[in-house]
Amino acid sequence: MKDFQLPSQILSYIENAESEILSLLKELAIIPAPSNNEDLRAKFCLDKFIEYGGKNAYIDEAKNVIFPINCENADDITVFCAHTDVVFPDTTPLPLFEDDEYLHCPGIGDDTTCLALLMLATKIAMQYNFTPKKGILIVANSGEEGLGNLKGIKQIIKDFPAIKRVYPFDGQYNAVVTKCVGSHRYSIDIQTEGGHSFGHFGNLSSIAVMSDFIYTLHQCSLPKKEGTKTTFNVGTVEGGTSVNTIAQSATFTYEYRSDDMQCMKYMQDFFNKTVKNIQGKYPEAKINITLIGDRPCGGNVDKNELTKMIDNAIFVCEKYSGISCKKTSGSTDCNIPMSLGIPAICLGSFIGSGAHTREEKVLKSSLITGLKITTHFLLSHFNN
């Protein structure tokens, strides 16, 4: 890949593509796409892939938009993907505005920009008649965020057993995700007798049980293993009826994360022990635990192949951006293939800020660089 050079006519095309990039990005960014409800954005992407020459593109049962190139009977397939869903629940057009430097829109960085640039890189590959020797699978995939639970990439891996490597585009081009952060996410529902705050004073309150539960979870001493990171969080709490009612029901959500399998096991054991202790302490309470998210961290992969992929990604990002590109950990679409022994790394294609906030923005001057990175990466694999 380091020997590959983008042809001069393609570089010239990209250098003059700012208006095309901005036009596509603005169209795509306002389309609502909450996890598990990506239908509108998927239809838009499918229409574009067909327009670009992907007559065999289709939407699968997981709402992935699949554009297979030379994949029939292939024994070696490389996946390039960017996710369609955003963290925001909006079902009406997302608010977008532009100033001299930035495009502002919820979800525009995560992951709309990377998706738009992957689509345009695909257009360039088709326009200049690049034909891969091996299978190439270009995917606008669903379900990367939150309770999407990586359903899109799971379906892709299931449907294409010849996949040998996976490249999600997700994030900025100053970092490459090389380690997978796994997570377990739970909803904990607590039911108690409750009652009137004066007349039934002394009855067990579900909020009191929940408070003790949360306090105990926060007493966890995190595993200390060099080169790893482990975290936990209580994200939401709900419960009670009124100020003068002893709460009958309360619910909270809890997660722990780590980029190490042993540390994940440590956190799972601590959580299970805490559940058992709280149930023993409050036998009259009904406590229901529901696993609402399960993301594995990395498994055993070919380290030489993974190292080669990482080095190539950093080389390409630094070649076009002129800035340092670091290695980092993250929870991305890499988690599923890596857990199954398939090498995967995640690279980005823009500079911006405010991910997962409504103040999210993307630096417009970074977009041509991002398209160069994406196109180089894609076409170099066509060339292999």
Protein backbone atom coordinates (compact mmCIF):
# COMPACT_ATOMS: atom_id res chain seq x y z
CA MET A 1 0.00 0.00 0.00
CA LYS A 2 2.86 2.40 0.75
CA ASP A 3 3.97 2.07 -2.88
CA PHE A 4 0.51 2.93 -4.22
CA GLN A 5 0.01 6.41 -5.63
CA LEU A 6 -3.30 8.01 -6.47
CA PRO A 7 -3.31 8.76 -10.21
CA SER A 8 -2.85 12.45 -10.99
CA GLN A 9 -6.29 12.75 -12.60
CA ILE A 10 -7.93 11.42 -9.43
CA LEU A 11 -5.91 13.77 -7.22
CA SER A 12 -6.99 16.64 -9.46
CA TYR A 13 -10.62 15.50 -9.26
CA ILE A 14 -10.47 15.42 -5.44
CA GLU A 15 -8.74 18.81 -5.21
CA ASN A 16 -11.72 20.31 -7.03
CA ALA A 17 -14.42 18.29 -5.24
CA GLU A 18 -15.20 20.59 -2.31
CA SER A 19 -18.62 21.65 -3.58
CA GLU A 20 -19.54 18.03 -4.39
CA ILE A 21 -18.43 16.88 -0.93
CA LEU A 22 -20.37 19.62 0.83
CA SER A 23 -23.48 19.02 -1.24
CA LEU A 24 -23.59 15.29 -0.48
CA LEU A 25 -22.72 15.82 3.17
CA LYS A 26 -25.44 18.41 3.70
CA GLU A 27 -28.03 16.14 2.07
CA LEU A 28 -27.01 13.13 4.12
CA ALA A 29 -26.51 14.88 7.47
CA ILE A 30 -30.09 16.08 7.88
CA ILE A 31 -31.64 12.62 7.30
CA PRO A 32 -32.68 11.23 10.71
CA ALA A 33 -31.15 7.84 11.49
CA PRO A 34 -31.53 6.71 15.11
CA SER A 35 -30.16 3.23 15.77
CA ASN A 36 -32.58 0.52 14.58
CA ASN A 37 -34.44 3.13 12.50
CA GLU A 38 -31.94 3.91 9.76
CA ASP A 39 -34.41 3.25 6.92
CA LEU A 40 -34.49 6.75 5.39
CA ARG A 41 -30.73 7.12 5.35
CA ALA A 42 -30.26 3.58 4.06
CA LYS A 43 -32.60 4.30 1.13
CA PHE A 44 -30.65 7.47 0.32
CA CYS A 45 -27.34 5.57 0.34
CA LEU A 46 -28.73 2.76 -1.80
CA ASP A 47 -29.95 5.23 -4.42
CA LYS A 48 -26.52 6.88 -4.49
CA PHE A 49 -24.64 3.58 -4.85
CA ILE A 50 -26.90 2.62 -7.75
CA GLU A 51 -26.34 6.05 -9.31
CA TYR A 52 -22.58 5.54 -8.97
CA GLY A 53 -22.74 2.23 -10.85
CA GLY A 54 -23.61 -0.26 -8.13
CA LYS A 55 -26.51 -1.91 -9.93
CA ASN A 56 -26.20 -4.94 -7.63
CA ALA A 57 -26.34 -2.89 -4.41
CA TYR A 58 -29.09 -3.82 -1.96
CA ILE A 59 -30.37 -3.39 1.60
CA ASP A 60 -30.16 -6.52 3.77
CA GLU A 61 -32.36 -7.63 6.68
CA ALA A 62 -30.26 -5.66 9.20
CA LYS A 63 -30.71 -2.42 7.19
CA ASN A 64 -27.14 -2.50 5.89
CA VAL A 65 -26.62 -1.03 2.43
CA ILE A 66 -24.39 -3.56 0.67
CA PHE A 67 -22.38 -2.87 -2.49
CA PRO A 68 -20.44 -6.06 -3.36
CA ILE A 69 -17.69 -5.83 -5.97
CA ASN A 70 -16.21 -9.07 -7.32
CA CYS A 71 -17.49 -10.94 -4.24
CA GLU A 72 -19.27 -13.80 -5.98
CA ASN A 73 -17.31 -17.00 -5.27
CA ALA A 74 -14.49 -14.88 -3.79
CA ASP A 75 -12.33 -16.54 -1.15
CA ASP A 76 -10.85 -13.23 0.06
CA ILE A 77 -13.09 -10.24 0.81
CA THR A 78 -12.11 -6.88 2.30
CA VAL A 79 -14.84 -4.77 3.93
CA PHE A 80 -14.91 -0.97 3.89
CA CYS A 81 -17.77 0.40 5.97
CA ALA A 82 -19.16 3.48 7.68
CA HIS A 83 -22.25 3.45 9.85
CA THR A 84 -25.52 5.14 8.99
CA ASP A 85 -26.97 5.51 12.50
CA VAL A 86 -26.49 8.46 14.85
CA VAL A 87 -27.00 8.65 18.60
CA PHE A 88 -29.81 11.18 18.37
CA PRO A 89 -33.43 9.95 18.55
CA ASP A 90 -34.80 12.61 16.18
CA THR A 91 -37.21 11.33 13.55
CA THR A 92 -37.51 14.69 11.76
CA PRO A 93 -34.72 16.35 9.75
CA LEU A 94 -31.67 17.13 11.86
CA PRO A 95 -30.76 20.83 12.20
CA LEU A 96 -27.76 21.85 10.08
CA PHE A 97 -26.07 25.20 9.69
CA GLU A 98 -22.84 26.36 8.11
CA ASP A 99 -20.36 29.11 8.91
CA ASP A 100 -17.10 30.07 7.24
CA GLU A 101 -15.14 27.23 8.85
CA TYR A 102 -17.53 24.49 9.95
CA LEU A 103 -20.58 22.44 9.17
CA HIS A 104 -22.67 22.04 12.32
CA CYS A 105 -25.18 19.21 12.77
CA PRO A 106 -25.88 16.47 15.32
CA GLY A 107 -24.16 13.32 14.07
CA ILE A 108 -22.24 15.06 11.29
CA GLY A 109 -18.93 13.74 12.56
CA ASP A 110 -20.11 10.44 13.97
CA ASP A 111 -20.41 9.07 11.41
CA THR A 112 -21.99 11.05 8.58
CA THR A 113 -18.82 12.61 7.19
CA CYS A 114 -16.93 9.32 6.98
CA LEU A 115 -19.94 7.73 5.28
CA ALA A 116 -20.25 10.53 2.72
CA LEU A 117 -16.54 10.36 1.89
CA LEU A 118 -16.63 6.56 1.55
CA MET A 119 -19.54 6.95 -0.86
CA LEU A 120 -17.62 9.49 -2.94
CA ALA A 121 -14.48 7.32 -2.92
CA THR A 122 -16.67 4.51 -4.25
CA LYS A 123 -17.97 6.82 -6.96
CA ILE A 124 -14.39 7.60 -7.98
CA ALA A 125 -13.49 3.90 -8.10
CA MET A 126 -16.44 3.24 -10.40
CA GLN A 127 -15.91 6.36 -12.52
CA TYR A 128 -12.29 5.45 -13.24
CA ASN A 129 -13.09 1.77 -13.82
CA PHE A 130 -11.00 0.27 -11.04
CA THR A 131 -11.56 -3.50 -10.90
CA PRO A 132 -10.38 -5.43 -7.84
CA LYS A 133 -8.60 -8.77 -8.12
CA LYS A 134 -10.23 -9.90 -4.87
CA GLY A 135 -13.59 -9.24 -3.28
CA ILE A 136 -14.43 -5.73 -2.07
CA LEU A 137 -17.50 -5.11 0.07
CA ILE A 138 -18.54 -1.49 0.54
CA VAL A 139 -21.16 -1.08 3.25
CA ALA A 140 -23.21 1.70 4.81
CA ASN A 141 -23.92 -0.31 7.92
CA SER A 142 -26.56 -0.04 10.60
CA GLY A 143 -26.55 -0.32 14.36
CA GLU A 144 -23.10 0.85 15.44
CA GLU A 145 -24.26 3.26 18.12
CA GLY A 146 -25.56 2.44 21.60
CA LEU A 147 -28.33 -0.13 21.59
CA GLY A 148 -27.78 -0.82 17.93
CA ASN A 149 -25.45 -3.40 19.48
CA LEU A 150 -23.35 -3.69 16.31
CA LYS A 151 -26.15 -5.56 14.57
CA GLY A 152 -25.08 -4.35 11.14
CA ILE A 153 -21.51 -5.63 11.24
CA LYS A 154 -22.71 -8.87 12.85
CA GLN A 155 -24.97 -9.49 9.85
CA ILE A 156 -22.17 -8.69 7.40
CA ILE A 157 -19.75 -11.14 9.03
CA LYS A 158 -22.48 -13.79 9.11
CA ASP A 159 -23.42 -13.38 5.44
CA PHE A 160 -19.90 -13.23 4.00
CA PRO A 161 -17.71 -15.99 5.49
CA ALA A 162 -14.83 -15.13 3.12
CA ILE A 163 -14.17 -11.80 4.87
CA LYS A 164 -10.47 -11.54 5.71
CA ARG A 165 -10.15 -7.95 6.95
CA VAL A 166 -12.45 -5.07 7.91
CA TYR A 167 -11.90 -1.31 7.74
CA PRO A 168 -14.59 0.81 9.40
CA PHE A 169 -14.29 4.56 8.74
CA ASP A 170 -15.40 6.30 11.91
CA GLY A 171 -13.79 9.33 13.53
CA GLN A 172 -11.00 11.78 12.80
CA TYR A 173 -7.86 11.20 10.76
CA ASN A 174 -5.53 12.02 13.65
CA ALA A 175 -6.12 8.59 15.24
CA VAL A 176 -6.47 4.94 14.30
CA VAL A 177 -8.43 2.61 16.59
CA THR A 178 -6.23 -0.45 17.08
CA LYS A 179 -7.70 -1.93 20.28
CA CYS A 180 -11.35 -2.83 20.81
CA VAL A 181 -13.20 -1.63 23.88
CA GLY A 182 -15.76 -4.23 24.91
CA SER A 183 -18.79 -3.46 27.05
CA HIS A 184 -21.69 -5.03 28.90
CA ARG A 185 -24.77 -2.87 29.44
CA TYR A 186 -27.61 -3.64 31.82
CA SER A 187 -31.03 -2.35 32.75
CA ILE A 188 -31.77 -3.04 36.44
CA ASP A 189 -35.43 -2.91 37.46
CA ILE A 190 -36.37 -2.92 41.16
CA GLN A 191 -39.89 -3.49 42.53
CA THR A 192 -40.88 -3.09 46.20
CA GLU A 193 -44.08 -2.79 48.25
CA GLY A 194 -43.96 1.02 48.49
CA GLY A 195 -46.86 2.93 50.02
CA HIS A 196 -47.85 6.25 51.59
CA SER A 197 -44.87 8.22 52.85
CA PHE A 198 -46.52 8.83 56.26
CA GLY A 199 -49.04 6.05 56.67
CA HIS A 200 -46.69 3.29 55.48
CA PHE A 201 -43.43 4.73 56.73
CA GLY A 202 -40.90 1.93 57.08
CA ASN A 203 -41.98 0.03 53.97
CA LEU A 204 -39.12 -0.72 51.61
CA SER A 205 -38.53 1.87 48.88
CA SER A 206 -37.29 0.80 45.47
CA ILE A 207 -35.33 4.05 45.26
CA ALA A 208 -33.54 3.24 48.52
CA VAL A 209 -32.60 -0.18 47.14
CA MET A 210 -31.46 1.38 43.89
CA SER A 211 -29.35 3.94 45.74
CA ASP A 212 -27.61 1.22 47.73
CA PHE A 213 -27.10 -0.79 44.54
CA ILE A 214 -25.51 2.16 42.74
CA TYR A 215 -23.36 3.07 45.74
CA THR A 216 -22.05 -0.50 45.95
CA LEU A 217 -21.23 -0.58 42.23
CA HIS A 218 -19.23 2.61 42.67
CA GLN A 219 -17.06 0.94 45.32
CA CYS A 220 -15.47 -1.22 42.63
CA SER A 221 -11.67 -1.18 42.64
CA LEU A 222 -10.83 -1.22 38.96
CA PRO A 223 -8.43 -3.87 37.68
CA LYS A 224 -4.85 -2.68 37.41
CA LYS A 225 -3.29 -4.19 34.31
CA GLU A 226 -0.59 -2.30 32.47
CA GLY A 227 -1.55 -1.04 29.04
CA THR A 228 -5.29 -1.44 29.58
CA LYS A 229 -8.19 0.81 30.53
CA THR A 230 -11.40 -0.17 32.32
CA THR A 231 -14.36 2.06 33.20
CA PHE A 232 -17.93 1.89 34.50
CA ASN A 233 -20.92 4.21 34.46
CA VAL A 234 -24.48 4.55 35.71
CA GLY A 235 -26.11 6.34 32.79
CA THR A 236 -29.79 6.79 33.66
CA VAL A 237 -32.02 6.54 36.74
CA GLU A 238 -35.82 6.54 36.88
CA GLY A 239 -38.36 5.82 39.56
CA GLY A 240 -40.93 6.89 42.08
CA THR A 241 -44.39 8.41 41.83
CA SER A 242 -44.47 11.56 43.95
CA VAL A 243 -42.78 13.27 46.87
CA ASN A 244 -45.27 11.71 49.31
CA THR A 245 -45.11 8.17 47.92
CA ILE A 246 -42.70 5.42 48.95
CA ALA A 247 -41.43 4.32 45.56
CA GLN A 248 -42.67 0.95 44.29
CA SER A 249 -40.46 0.88 41.20
CA ALA A 250 -37.08 2.19 40.11
CA THR A 251 -34.84 1.46 37.16
CA PHE A 252 -31.28 2.35 36.27
CA THR A 253 -28.83 1.51 33.51
CA TYR A 254 -25.24 0.49 34.10
CA GLU A 255 -22.30 -0.40 31.91
CA TYR A 256 -18.68 -1.39 32.25
CA ARG A 257 -16.06 -1.25 29.52
CA SER A 258 -12.53 -2.48 28.94
CA ASP A 259 -10.07 -3.05 26.13
CA ASP A 260 -8.91 -6.28 27.80
CA MET A 261 -10.78 -9.60 28.06
CA GLN A 262 -9.43 -10.44 31.53
CA CYS A 263 -10.50 -7.05 32.84
CA MET A 264 -13.97 -7.55 31.34
CA LYS A 265 -14.19 -10.85 33.23
CA TYR A 266 -13.13 -9.07 36.44
CA MET A 267 -15.91 -6.49 36.01
CA GLN A 268 -18.48 -9.15 35.18
CA ASP A 269 -17.59 -11.07 38.34
CA PHE A 270 -17.85 -7.89 40.44
CA PHE A 271 -21.24 -7.04 38.95
CA ASN A 272 -22.60 -10.56 39.52
CA LYS A 273 -21.33 -10.51 43.11
CA THR A 274 -22.99 -7.13 43.71
CA VAL A 275 -26.31 -8.39 42.35
CA LYS A 276 -26.16 -11.40 44.68
CA ASN A 277 -25.30 -9.23 47.69
CA ILE A 278 -28.12 -6.74 47.06
CA GLN A 279 -30.64 -9.53 46.52
CA GLY A 280 -29.55 -11.08 49.82
CA LYS A 281 -29.74 -7.76 51.64
CA TYR A 282 -33.26 -6.97 50.36
CA PRO A 283 -35.02 -10.33 49.95
CA GLU A 284 -38.46 -8.70 49.75
CA ALA A 285 -37.46 -6.66 46.67
CA LYS A 286 -37.90 -8.04 43.16
CA ILE A 287 -34.78 -7.27 41.14
CA ASN A 288 -34.74 -7.96 37.42
CA ILE A 289 -31.49 -7.71 35.45
CA THR A 290 -31.65 -7.35 31.65
CA LEU A 291 -28.57 -7.38 29.44
CA ILE A 292 -29.26 -4.63 26.88
CA GLY A 293 -25.83 -4.41 25.26
CA ASP A 294 -22.97 -6.85 24.70
CA ARG A 295 -19.89 -5.77 22.77
CA PRO A 296 -16.88 -8.10 22.78
CA CYS A 297 -13.33 -6.84 22.88
CA GLY A 298 -10.58 -8.20 20.65
CA GLY A 299 -9.78 -11.88 20.25
CA ASN A 300 -6.85 -13.76 18.78
CA VAL A 301 -5.92 -12.33 15.38
CA ASP A 302 -2.90 -12.59 13.11
CA LYS A 303 -0.64 -10.00 14.75
CA ASN A 304 1.56 -9.59 11.69
CA GLU A 305 -1.43 -8.85 9.48
CA LEU A 306 -2.91 -6.47 12.06
CA THR A 307 0.40 -4.62 12.46
CA LYS A 308 0.66 -4.23 8.69
CA MET A 309 -2.87 -2.82 8.54
CA ILE A 310 -2.14 -0.36 11.36
CA ASP A 311 1.14 0.82 9.82
CA ASN A 312 -0.50 1.33 6.43
CA ALA A 313 -3.40 3.30 7.92
CA ILE A 314 -1.11 5.60 9.89
CA PHE A 315 1.09 6.09 6.82
CA VAL A 316 -1.84 7.11 4.61
CA CYS A 317 -3.39 9.43 7.23
CA GLU A 318 -0.08 11.18 7.88
CA LYS A 319 0.83 11.32 4.17
CA TYR A 320 -2.18 13.44 3.26
CA SER A 321 -2.86 15.31 6.51
CA GLY A 322 0.69 16.24 7.46
CA ILE A 323 -0.16 15.70 11.13
CA SER A 324 0.66 12.91 13.56
CA CYS A 325 -1.74 9.97 13.73
CA LYS A 326 -1.87 8.10 17.04
CA LYS A 327 -3.05 4.63 18.03
CA THR A 328 -6.04 4.50 20.35
CA SER A 329 -8.71 2.23 21.83
CA GLY A 330 -12.42 2.44 21.03
CA SER A 331 -15.75 0.71 20.70
CA THR A 332 -16.39 0.48 16.96
CA ASP A 333 -17.51 -1.92 14.28
CA CYS A 334 -14.07 -3.53 14.67
CA ASN A 335 -15.24 -5.28 17.84
CA ILE A 336 -17.15 -8.05 16.09
CA PRO A 337 -14.56 -9.13 13.49
CA MET A 338 -11.70 -8.81 15.99
CA SER A 339 -13.54 -11.00 18.51
CA LEU A 340 -13.82 -13.64 15.76
CA GLY A 341 -10.15 -13.51 14.79
CA ILE A 342 -10.60 -11.26 11.73
CA PRO A 343 -8.14 -8.33 11.68
CA ALA A 344 -9.85 -4.94 11.76
CA ILE A 345 -8.84 -1.35 12.38
CA CYS A 346 -10.86 1.86 12.37
CA LEU A 347 -9.63 5.05 10.73
CA GLY A 348 -11.17 8.47 10.23
CA SER A 349 -11.48 11.07 7.50
CA PHE A 350 -12.05 14.55 8.98
CA ILE A 351 -11.23 16.95 11.80
CA GLY A 352 -13.99 18.17 14.08
CA SER A 353 -15.36 18.18 17.61
CA GLY A 354 -18.45 17.69 19.76
CA ALA A 355 -19.18 14.03 18.99
CA HIS A 356 -22.40 12.79 20.64
CA THR A 357 -23.54 16.35 21.35
CA ARG A 358 -25.89 18.62 19.45
CA GLU A 359 -22.97 21.02 19.02
CA GLU A 360 -21.11 18.55 16.80
CA LYS A 361 -19.17 20.15 13.96
CA VAL A 362 -16.78 19.27 11.13
CA LEU A 363 -13.99 21.46 9.78
CA LYS A 364 -14.77 22.05 6.11
CA SER A 365 -11.11 22.47 5.17
CA SER A 366 -10.42 18.90 6.35
CA LEU A 367 -12.81 17.26 3.91
CA ILE A 368 -10.60 17.18 0.81
CA THR A 369 -7.83 15.62 2.89
CA GLY A 370 -10.35 13.10 4.21
CA LEU A 371 -11.45 12.18 0.69
CA LYS A 372 -7.82 11.68 -0.35
CA ILE A 373 -7.24 9.35 2.61
CA THR A 374 -10.42 7.38 1.97
CA THR A 375 -9.87 7.11 -1.78
CA HIS A 376 -6.21 6.10 -1.44
CA PHE A 377 -7.10 3.46 1.11
CA LEU A 378 -9.93 2.05 -0.99
CA LEU A 379 -8.16 2.08 -4.37
CA SER A 380 -4.94 0.61 -2.98
CA HIS A 381 -6.96 -2.49 -2.07
CA PHE A 382 -8.50 -2.58 -5.53
CA ASN A 383 -4.91 -2.63 -6.77
CA ASN A 384 -3.80 -5.60 -4.62
